Amino acid sequence: MADRPSLRLFLDEGVPDSVGHAFMEHGHQVAFLNKELVRGSPDHLVCAIADINNAVLVALDGDMKRIAQGHGVGSGKYLRLGLIKLSCFEPDAAARVREAMSLIEHEWNVTAGKEGRRIFVEISDKVIRSFR
């Protein structure tokens, strides 16, 4: 079994702090947009900050999914941008992240050593999926 990974995550402003705490419980590093940037910062600035800091962006915002699909997960502006997209009921987000943690960590391990390492996981109320 591979060592437990340590992810660096950047939570967008709409993501409940409880989601960040769920990641920290598993030993991951979390930065909260609300503590790092001004609320209402443009989405492209948020993506750029996550990308520069080699952090996986965690977002509820559907615009972030479009940006990541158009840039991060493919080729383009944000070369290392990964995304964990929360498409679930907001009060359930931390519990759903805990349920998805083994998949998230597995996807991170699968990308180890790959150039442009990034992950894209979507967590909804009934489905957890990974895009490769």
Protein backbone atom coordinates (compact mmCIF):
# COMPACT_ATOMS: atom_id res chain seq x y z
CA MET A 1 0.00 0.00 0.00
CA ALA A 2 1.32 3.44 -0.90
CA ASP A 3 2.09 6.01 1.76
CA ARG A 4 -0.75 8.33 2.60
CA PRO A 5 -0.39 11.37 0.34
CA SER A 6 -0.29 14.94 1.54
CA LEU A 7 -2.32 17.20 -0.68
CA ARG A 8 -2.20 20.97 -0.71
CA LEU A 9 -5.70 22.41 -1.12
CA PHE A 10 -7.13 25.88 -1.67
CA LEU A 11 -10.77 26.35 -0.70
CA ASP A 12 -12.83 28.77 -2.74
CA GLU A 13 -14.91 31.29 -0.80
CA GLY A 14 -18.22 29.40 -1.01
CA VAL A 15 -16.80 26.20 0.46
CA PRO A 16 -17.71 25.66 4.13
CA ASP A 17 -14.77 25.68 6.55
CA SER A 18 -15.92 22.22 7.68
CA VAL A 19 -14.70 20.87 4.32
CA GLY A 20 -11.23 22.25 4.99
CA HIS A 21 -11.28 20.70 8.45
CA ALA A 22 -12.25 17.33 6.93
CA PHE A 23 -9.12 17.49 4.75
CA MET A 24 -6.95 18.59 7.68
CA GLU A 25 -8.21 15.60 9.72
CA HIS A 26 -6.54 13.43 7.08
CA GLY A 27 -3.24 15.34 7.23
CA HIS A 28 -3.70 17.57 4.20
CA GLN A 29 -2.63 21.22 3.99
CA VAL A 30 -5.52 23.65 3.53
CA ALA A 31 -5.59 27.34 2.66
CA PHE A 32 -8.92 29.16 2.95
CA LEU A 33 -9.62 31.87 0.36
CA ASN A 34 -11.49 33.84 3.03
CA LYS A 35 -8.23 34.13 4.97
CA GLU A 36 -5.92 34.67 1.95
CA LEU A 37 -7.81 36.90 -0.51
CA VAL A 38 -10.60 39.43 -0.54
CA ARG A 39 -14.08 37.92 -0.82
CA GLY A 40 -15.43 38.30 -4.32
CA SER A 41 -12.00 37.91 -5.94
CA PRO A 42 -12.31 37.06 -9.64
CA ASP A 43 -12.43 33.33 -10.44
CA HIS A 44 -9.36 33.53 -12.68
CA LEU A 45 -7.36 35.11 -9.84
CA VAL A 46 -8.47 32.31 -7.49
CA CYS A 47 -7.41 29.71 -10.09
CA ALA A 48 -4.08 31.44 -10.63
CA ILE A 49 -3.34 31.51 -6.89
CA ALA A 50 -4.18 27.81 -6.55
CA ASP A 51 -2.07 26.97 -9.62
CA ILE A 52 0.96 29.03 -8.51
CA ASN A 53 0.86 27.35 -5.10
CA ASN A 54 0.52 23.83 -6.55
CA ALA A 55 -2.78 23.50 -4.72
CA VAL A 56 -5.88 21.60 -5.73
CA LEU A 57 -8.82 24.01 -5.85
CA VAL A 58 -11.93 22.95 -3.90
CA ALA A 59 -15.04 24.76 -5.13
CA LEU A 60 -18.83 24.75 -5.13
CA ASP A 61 -18.93 27.28 -7.96
CA GLY A 62 -19.88 25.81 -11.35
CA ASP A 63 -17.71 28.42 -13.07
CA MET A 64 -14.62 26.82 -11.55
CA LYS A 65 -15.52 23.52 -13.22
CA ARG A 66 -15.69 25.24 -16.60
CA ILE A 67 -12.38 27.00 -16.01
CA ALA A 68 -10.68 23.79 -14.89
CA GLN A 69 -12.06 21.82 -17.83
CA GLY A 70 -11.04 24.52 -20.26
CA HIS A 71 -7.62 25.20 -18.81
CA GLY A 72 -6.34 23.07 -15.98
CA VAL A 73 -7.32 19.53 -16.75
CA GLY A 74 -6.63 19.98 -20.44
CA SER A 75 -3.84 22.21 -21.62
CA GLY A 76 -3.67 25.93 -21.27
CA LYS A 77 -3.36 28.77 -18.82
CA TYR A 78 -3.41 26.92 -15.49
CA LEU A 79 -1.10 24.01 -16.24
CA ARG A 80 -1.26 22.34 -12.85
CA LEU A 81 -4.77 23.33 -11.76
CA GLY A 82 -6.60 20.43 -10.15
CA LEU A 83 -10.17 20.65 -8.93
CA ILE A 84 -12.37 18.97 -6.39
CA LYS A 85 -15.83 20.16 -7.43
CA LEU A 86 -18.51 19.93 -4.76
CA SER A 87 -21.86 19.46 -6.49
CA CYS A 88 -23.59 18.26 -3.35
CA PHE A 89 -25.95 19.89 -0.87
CA GLU A 90 -23.68 22.37 0.96
CA PRO A 91 -24.46 21.20 4.53
CA ASP A 92 -23.44 17.65 3.50
CA ALA A 93 -20.19 18.71 1.82
CA ALA A 94 -17.79 17.82 4.67
CA ALA A 95 -19.38 14.39 5.15
CA ARG A 96 -19.26 13.73 1.39
CA VAL A 97 -15.58 14.76 1.29
CA ARG A 98 -14.83 12.32 4.12
CA GLU A 99 -16.64 9.57 2.18
CA ALA A 100 -14.63 10.44 -0.95
CA MET A 101 -11.27 10.80 0.78
CA SER A 102 -9.89 7.40 -0.22
CA LEU A 103 -10.74 8.08 -3.88
CA ILE A 104 -9.24 11.57 -3.73
CA GLU A 105 -6.03 10.23 -2.18
CA HIS A 106 -5.94 7.35 -4.68
CA GLU A 107 -6.25 9.74 -7.62
CA TRP A 108 -3.44 11.86 -6.18
CA ASN A 109 -1.24 8.76 -5.84
CA VAL A 110 -2.02 7.69 -9.43
CA THR A 111 -0.68 11.01 -10.72
CA ALA A 112 2.57 10.76 -8.73
CA GLY A 113 5.61 11.46 -10.88
CA LYS A 114 3.55 12.64 -13.84
CA GLU A 115 4.36 15.95 -15.47
CA GLY A 116 1.61 18.51 -14.88
CA ARG A 117 0.26 16.49 -11.95
CA ARG A 118 -3.37 17.32 -11.23
CA ILE A 119 -6.66 15.68 -10.34
CA PHE A 120 -10.28 16.42 -11.12
CA VAL A 121 -12.87 14.86 -8.81
CA GLU A 122 -16.56 15.75 -8.65
CA ILE A 123 -18.60 14.97 -5.55
CA SER A 124 -22.39 15.13 -5.78
CA ASP A 125 -25.12 13.93 -3.42
CA LYS A 126 -25.19 10.43 -4.93
CA VAL A 127 -22.09 10.14 -7.15
CA ILE A 128 -18.36 10.58 -6.67
CA ARG A 129 -16.42 10.55 -9.94
CA SER A 130 -12.93 11.12 -11.15
CA PHE A 131 -11.98 12.49 -14.54
CA ARG A 132 -8.64 11.46 -16.03
